[in-house]
Amino acid sequence: MSNVEDKTLCALQEEGYIETNTDEFIKLIRPAQHFCKNCGRSAVSADNLCNPEKLD
């Protein structure tokens, strides 16, 4: 697996990262600052989302 910070949450999910690295995944999404307008996932960094929008 390449650098986690370079991947979207969708890509990480496809690789099974959520199941195998749950605690690390939680660090990527808490506290969420952005959400994906495609899938609805939320993340700290817009870089981890396919179609990010900042939460107000």
PDB file of N, CA and C in Angstrom:
ATOM      1  N   MET A   1       0.855  -1.178   0.000  1.00  0.00           N
ATOM      2  CA  MET A   1       0.000   0.000   0.000  1.00  0.00           C
ATOM      3  C   MET A   1       0.893   1.231   0.000  1.00  0.00           C
ATOM      4  N   SER A   2       0.526   2.187  -0.826  1.00  0.00           N
ATOM      5  CA  SER A   2       1.281   3.433  -0.857  1.00  0.00           C
ATOM      6  C   SER A   2       0.875   4.309   0.321  1.00  0.00           C
ATOM      7  N   ASN A   3       1.429   5.495   0.373  1.00  0.00           N
ATOM      8  CA  ASN A   3       1.197   6.426   1.471  1.00  0.00           C
ATOM      9  C   ASN A   3      -0.301   6.672   1.680  1.00  0.00           C
ATOM     10  N   VAL A   4      -0.768   6.451   2.884  1.00  0.00           N
ATOM     11  CA  VAL A   4      -2.183   6.597   3.218  1.00  0.00           C
ATOM     12  C   VAL A   4      -2.668   8.019   2.961  1.00  0.00           C
ATOM     13  N   GLU A   5      -1.844   9.020   3.261  1.00  0.00           N
ATOM     14  CA  GLU A   5      -2.266  10.409   3.102  1.00  0.00           C
ATOM     15  C   GLU A   5      -2.506  10.780   1.637  1.00  0.00           C
ATOM     16  N   ASP A   6      -1.974   9.986   0.714  1.00  0.00           N
ATOM     17  CA  ASP A   6      -2.138  10.261  -0.709  1.00  0.00           C
ATOM     18  C   ASP A   6      -3.377   9.600  -1.300  1.00  0.00           C
ATOM     19  N   LYS A   7      -4.137   8.882  -0.494  1.00  0.00           N
ATOM     20  CA  LYS A   7      -5.283   8.136  -1.001  1.00  0.00           C
ATOM     21  C   LYS A   7      -6.589   8.700  -0.481  1.00  0.00           C
ATOM     22  N   THR A   8      -7.625   8.513  -1.270  1.00  0.00           N
ATOM     23  CA  THR A   8      -8.961   8.902  -0.817  1.00  0.00           C
ATOM     24  C   THR A   8      -9.491   7.822   0.119  1.00  0.00           C
ATOM     25  N   LEU A   9     -10.496   8.165   0.892  1.00  0.00           N
ATOM     26  CA  LEU A   9     -11.105   7.190   1.782  1.00  0.00           C
ATOM     27  C   LEU A   9     -11.724   6.055   0.985  1.00  0.00           C
ATOM     28  N   CYS A  10     -12.255   6.354  -0.193  1.00  0.00           N
ATOM     29  CA  CYS A  10     -12.823   5.311  -1.051  1.00  0.00           C
ATOM     30  C   CYS A  10     -11.749   4.299  -1.438  1.00  0.00           C
ATOM     31  N   ALA A  11     -10.572   4.774  -1.817  1.00  0.00           N
ATOM     32  CA  ALA A  11      -9.470   3.881  -2.190  1.00  0.00           C
ATOM     33  C   ALA A  11      -9.026   3.048  -0.995  1.00  0.00           C
ATOM     34  N   LEU A  12      -8.953   3.666   0.170  1.00  0.00           N
ATOM     35  CA  LEU A  12      -8.562   2.927   1.370  1.00  0.00           C
ATOM     36  C   LEU A  12      -9.579   1.841   1.699  1.00  0.00           C
ATOM     37  N   GLN A  13     -10.844   2.142   1.533  1.00  0.00           N
ATOM     38  CA  GLN A  13     -11.892   1.158   1.804  1.00  0.00           C
ATOM     39  C   GLN A  13     -11.765  -0.017   0.844  1.00  0.00           C
ATOM     40  N   GLU A  14     -11.505   0.251  -0.423  1.00  0.00           N
ATOM     41  CA  GLU A  14     -11.354  -0.816  -1.412  1.00  0.00           C
ATOM     42  C   GLU A  14     -10.194  -1.740  -1.069  1.00  0.00           C
ATOM     43  N   GLU A  15      -9.167  -1.216  -0.415  1.00  0.00           N
ATOM     44  CA  GLU A  15      -8.000  -2.020  -0.023  1.00  0.00           C
ATOM     45  C   GLU A  15      -8.201  -2.744   1.302  1.00  0.00           C
ATOM     46  N   GLY A  16      -9.326  -2.536   1.964  1.00  0.00           N
ATOM     47  CA  GLY A  16      -9.575  -3.182   3.249  1.00  0.00           C
ATOM     48  C   GLY A  16      -8.954  -2.451   4.426  1.00  0.00           C
ATOM     49  N   TYR A  17      -8.500  -1.219   4.205  1.00  0.00           N
ATOM     50  CA  TYR A  17      -7.814  -0.457   5.251  1.00  0.00           C
ATOM     51  C   TYR A  17      -8.707  -0.206   6.463  1.00  0.00           C
ATOM     52  N   ILE A  18      -9.977   0.046   6.234  1.00  0.00           N
ATOM     53  CA  ILE A  18     -10.887   0.349   7.347  1.00  0.00           C
ATOM     54  C   ILE A  18     -10.951  -0.836   8.312  1.00  0.00           C
ATOM     55  N   GLU A  19     -11.034  -2.036   7.774  1.00  0.00           N
ATOM     56  CA  GLU A  19     -11.142  -3.227   8.610  1.00  0.00           C
ATOM     57  C   GLU A  19      -9.820  -3.565   9.307  1.00  0.00           C
ATOM     58  N   THR A  20      -8.698  -3.348   8.618  1.00  0.00           N
ATOM     59  CA  THR A  20      -7.411  -3.770   9.173  1.00  0.00           C
ATOM     60  C   THR A  20      -6.710  -2.692   9.993  1.00  0.00           C
ATOM     61  N   ASN A  21      -7.112  -1.431   9.825  1.00  0.00           N
ATOM     62  CA  ASN A  21      -6.468  -0.309  10.517  1.00  0.00           C
ATOM     63  C   ASN A  21      -7.500   0.675  11.044  1.00  0.00           C
ATOM     64  N   THR A  22      -8.470   0.170  11.744  1.00  0.00           N
ATOM     65  CA  THR A  22      -9.596   1.000  12.178  1.00  0.00           C
ATOM     66  C   THR A  22      -9.149   2.225  12.959  1.00  0.00           C
ATOM     67  N   ASP A  23      -8.256   2.074  13.906  1.00  0.00           N
ATOM     68  CA  ASP A  23      -7.821   3.222  14.721  1.00  0.00           C
ATOM     69  C   ASP A  23      -7.150   4.298  13.872  1.00  0.00           C
ATOM     70  N   GLU A  24      -6.333   3.883  12.914  1.00  0.00           N
ATOM     71  CA  GLU A  24      -5.677   4.850  12.024  1.00  0.00           C
ATOM     72  C   GLU A  24      -6.695   5.515  11.102  1.00  0.00           C
ATOM     73  N   PHE A  25      -7.683   4.761  10.656  1.00  0.00           N
ATOM     74  CA  PHE A  25      -8.733   5.325   9.807  1.00  0.00           C
ATOM     75  C   PHE A  25      -9.508   6.401  10.564  1.00  0.00           C
ATOM     76  N   ILE A  26      -9.809   6.148  11.821  1.00  0.00           N
ATOM     77  CA  ILE A  26     -10.539   7.119  12.641  1.00  0.00           C
ATOM     78  C   ILE A  26      -9.771   8.432  12.731  1.00  0.00           C
ATOM     79  N   LYS A  27      -8.449   8.369  12.790  1.00  0.00           N
ATOM     80  CA  LYS A  27      -7.637   9.595  12.832  1.00  0.00           C
ATOM     81  C   LYS A  27      -7.801  10.423  11.566  1.00  0.00           C
ATOM     82  N   LEU A  28      -8.101   9.771  10.449  1.00  0.00           N
ATOM     83  CA  LEU A  28      -8.307  10.490   9.185  1.00  0.00           C
ATOM     84  C   LEU A  28      -9.651  11.208   9.132  1.00  0.00           C
ATOM     85  N   ILE A  29     -10.596  10.766   9.952  1.00  0.00           N
ATOM     86  CA  ILE A  29     -11.946  11.328   9.850  1.00  0.00           C
ATOM     87  C   ILE A  29     -12.402  12.144  11.056  1.00  0.00           C
ATOM     88  N   ARG A  30     -11.602  12.176  12.124  1.00  0.00           N
ATOM     89  CA  ARG A  30     -12.019  12.891  13.327  1.00  0.00           C
ATOM     90  C   ARG A  30     -11.063  14.016  13.657  1.00  0.00           C
ATOM     91  N   PRO A  31     -11.447  15.189  13.909  1.00  0.00           N
ATOM     92  CA  PRO A  31     -12.777  15.757  13.658  1.00  0.00           C
ATOM     93  C   PRO A  31     -12.898  16.173  12.189  1.00  0.00           C
ATOM     94  N   ALA A  32     -13.940  15.763  11.581  1.00  0.00           N
ATOM     95  CA  ALA A  32     -14.144  16.016  10.150  1.00  0.00           C
ATOM     96  C   ALA A  32     -14.239  17.513   9.861  1.00  0.00           C
ATOM     97  N   GLN A  33     -13.587  17.908   8.796  1.00  0.00           N
ATOM     98  CA  GLN A  33     -13.628  19.290   8.324  1.00  0.00           C
ATOM     99  C   GLN A  33     -14.225  19.390   6.920  1.00  0.00           C
ATOM    100  N   HIS A  34     -14.291  18.236   6.227  1.00  0.00           N
ATOM    101  CA  HIS A  34     -14.772  18.188   4.848  1.00  0.00           C
ATOM    102  C   HIS A  34     -15.651  16.958   4.664  1.00  0.00           C
ATOM    103  N   PHE A  35     -16.505  16.980   3.649  1.00  0.00           N
ATOM    104  CA  PHE A  35     -17.262  15.796   3.281  1.00  0.00           C
ATOM    105  C   PHE A  35     -17.197  15.612   1.772  1.00  0.00           C
ATOM    106  N   CYS A  36     -17.409  14.394   1.321  1.00  0.00           N
ATOM    107  CA  CYS A  36     -17.372  14.085  -0.105  1.00  0.00           C
ATOM    108  C   CYS A  36     -18.779  14.218  -0.676  1.00  0.00           C
ATOM    109  N   LYS A  37     -18.897  15.015  -1.712  1.00  0.00           N
ATOM    110  CA  LYS A  37     -20.198  15.207  -2.353  1.00  0.00           C
ATOM    111  C   LYS A  37     -20.593  13.998  -3.200  1.00  0.00           C
ATOM    112  N   ASN A  38     -19.688  13.042  -3.401  1.00  0.00           N
ATOM    113  CA  ASN A  38     -20.021  11.823  -4.148  1.00  0.00           C
ATOM    114  C   ASN A  38     -20.566  10.734  -3.231  1.00  0.00           C
ATOM    115  N   CYS A  39     -19.790  10.379  -2.194  1.00  0.00           N
ATOM    116  CA  CYS A  39     -20.154   9.218  -1.376  1.00  0.00           C
ATOM    117  C   CYS A  39     -20.641   9.588   0.022  1.00  0.00           C
ATOM    118  N   GLY A  40     -20.442  10.842   0.444  1.00  0.00           N
ATOM    119  CA  GLY A  40     -20.899  11.265   1.761  1.00  0.00           C
ATOM    120  C   GLY A  40     -19.911  11.026   2.884  1.00  0.00           C
ATOM    121  N   ARG A  41     -18.761  10.447   2.594  1.00  0.00           N
ATOM    122  CA  ARG A  41     -17.761  10.255   3.646  1.00  0.00           C
ATOM    123  C   ARG A  41     -17.255  11.610   4.135  1.00  0.00           C
ATOM    124  N   SER A  42     -16.748  11.634   5.362  1.00  0.00           N
ATOM    125  CA  SER A  42     -16.191  12.861   5.913  1.00  0.00           C
ATOM    126  C   SER A  42     -14.746  12.608   6.319  1.00  0.00           C
ATOM    127  N   ALA A  43     -13.943  13.687   6.323  1.00  0.00           N
ATOM    128  CA  ALA A  43     -12.525  13.548   6.635  1.00  0.00           C
ATOM    129  C   ALA A  43     -11.964  14.857   7.170  1.00  0.00           C
ATOM    130  N   VAL A  44     -10.835  14.756   7.841  1.00  0.00           N
ATOM    131  CA  VAL A  44     -10.117  15.926   8.322  1.00  0.00           C
ATOM    132  C   VAL A  44      -9.573  16.713   7.130  1.00  0.00           C
ATOM    133  N   SER A  45      -8.955  16.019   6.185  1.00  0.00           N
ATOM    134  CA  SER A  45      -8.303  16.655   5.040  1.00  0.00           C
ATOM    135  C   SER A  45      -9.116  16.462   3.765  1.00  0.00           C
ATOM    136  N   ALA A  46      -9.235  17.512   2.979  1.00  0.00           N
ATOM    137  CA  ALA A  46      -9.914  17.422   1.687  1.00  0.00           C
ATOM    138  C   ALA A  46      -9.168  16.465   0.755  1.00  0.00           C
ATOM    139  N   ASP A  47      -7.870  16.290   0.972  1.00  0.00           N
ATOM    140  CA  ASP A  47      -7.069  15.412   0.124  1.00  0.00           C
ATOM    141  C   ASP A  47      -7.500  13.956   0.199  1.00  0.00           C
ATOM    142  N   ASN A  48      -8.205  13.581   1.253  1.00  0.00           N
ATOM    143  CA  ASN A  48      -8.653  12.201   1.409  1.00  0.00           C
ATOM    144  C   ASN A  48     -10.033  11.952   0.815  1.00  0.00           C
ATOM    145  N   LEU A  49     -10.582  12.927   0.105  1.00  0.00           N
ATOM    146  CA  LEU A  49     -11.921  12.786  -0.472  1.00  0.00           C
ATOM    147  C   LEU A  49     -11.882  13.002  -1.978  1.00  0.00           C
ATOM    148  N   CYS A  50     -12.784  12.316  -2.682  1.00  0.00           N
ATOM    149  CA  CYS A  50     -12.827  12.408  -4.149  1.00  0.00           C
ATOM    150  C   CYS A  50     -13.385  13.755  -4.627  1.00  0.00           C
ATOM    151  N   ASN A  51     -14.435  14.221  -3.961  1.00  0.00           N
ATOM    152  CA  ASN A  51     -15.133  15.430  -4.366  1.00  0.00           C
ATOM    153  C   ASN A  51     -15.437  16.255  -3.112  1.00  0.00           C
ATOM    154  N   PRO A  52     -14.405  16.840  -2.480  1.00  0.00           N
ATOM    155  CA  PRO A  52     -14.564  17.456  -1.156  1.00  0.00           C
ATOM    156  C   PRO A  52     -15.285  18.804  -1.166  1.00  0.00           C
ATOM    157  N   GLU A  53     -15.958  19.026  -0.058  1.00  0.00           N
ATOM    158  CA  GLU A  53     -16.530  20.334   0.225  1.00  0.00           C
ATOM    159  C   GLU A  53     -16.328  20.606   1.707  1.00  0.00           C
ATOM    160  N   LYS A  54     -15.934  21.811   2.048  1.00  0.00           N
ATOM    161  CA  LYS A  54     -15.673  22.188   3.451  1.00  0.00           C
ATOM    162  C   LYS A  54     -16.971  22.226   4.221  1.00  0.00           C
ATOM    163  N   LEU A  55     -16.939  21.663   5.431  1.00  0.00           N
ATOM    164  CA  LEU A  55     -18.078  21.781   6.346  1.00  0.00           C
ATOM    165  C   LEU A  55     -18.033  23.154   6.994  1.00  0.00           C
ATOM    166  N   ASP A  56     -19.171  23.731   7.209  1.00  0.00           N
ATOM    167  CA  ASP A  56     -19.227  25.056   7.862  1.00  0.00           C
ATOM    168  C   ASP A  56     -19.138  24.940   9.355  1.00  0.00           C
TER     169      ASP A  56
END
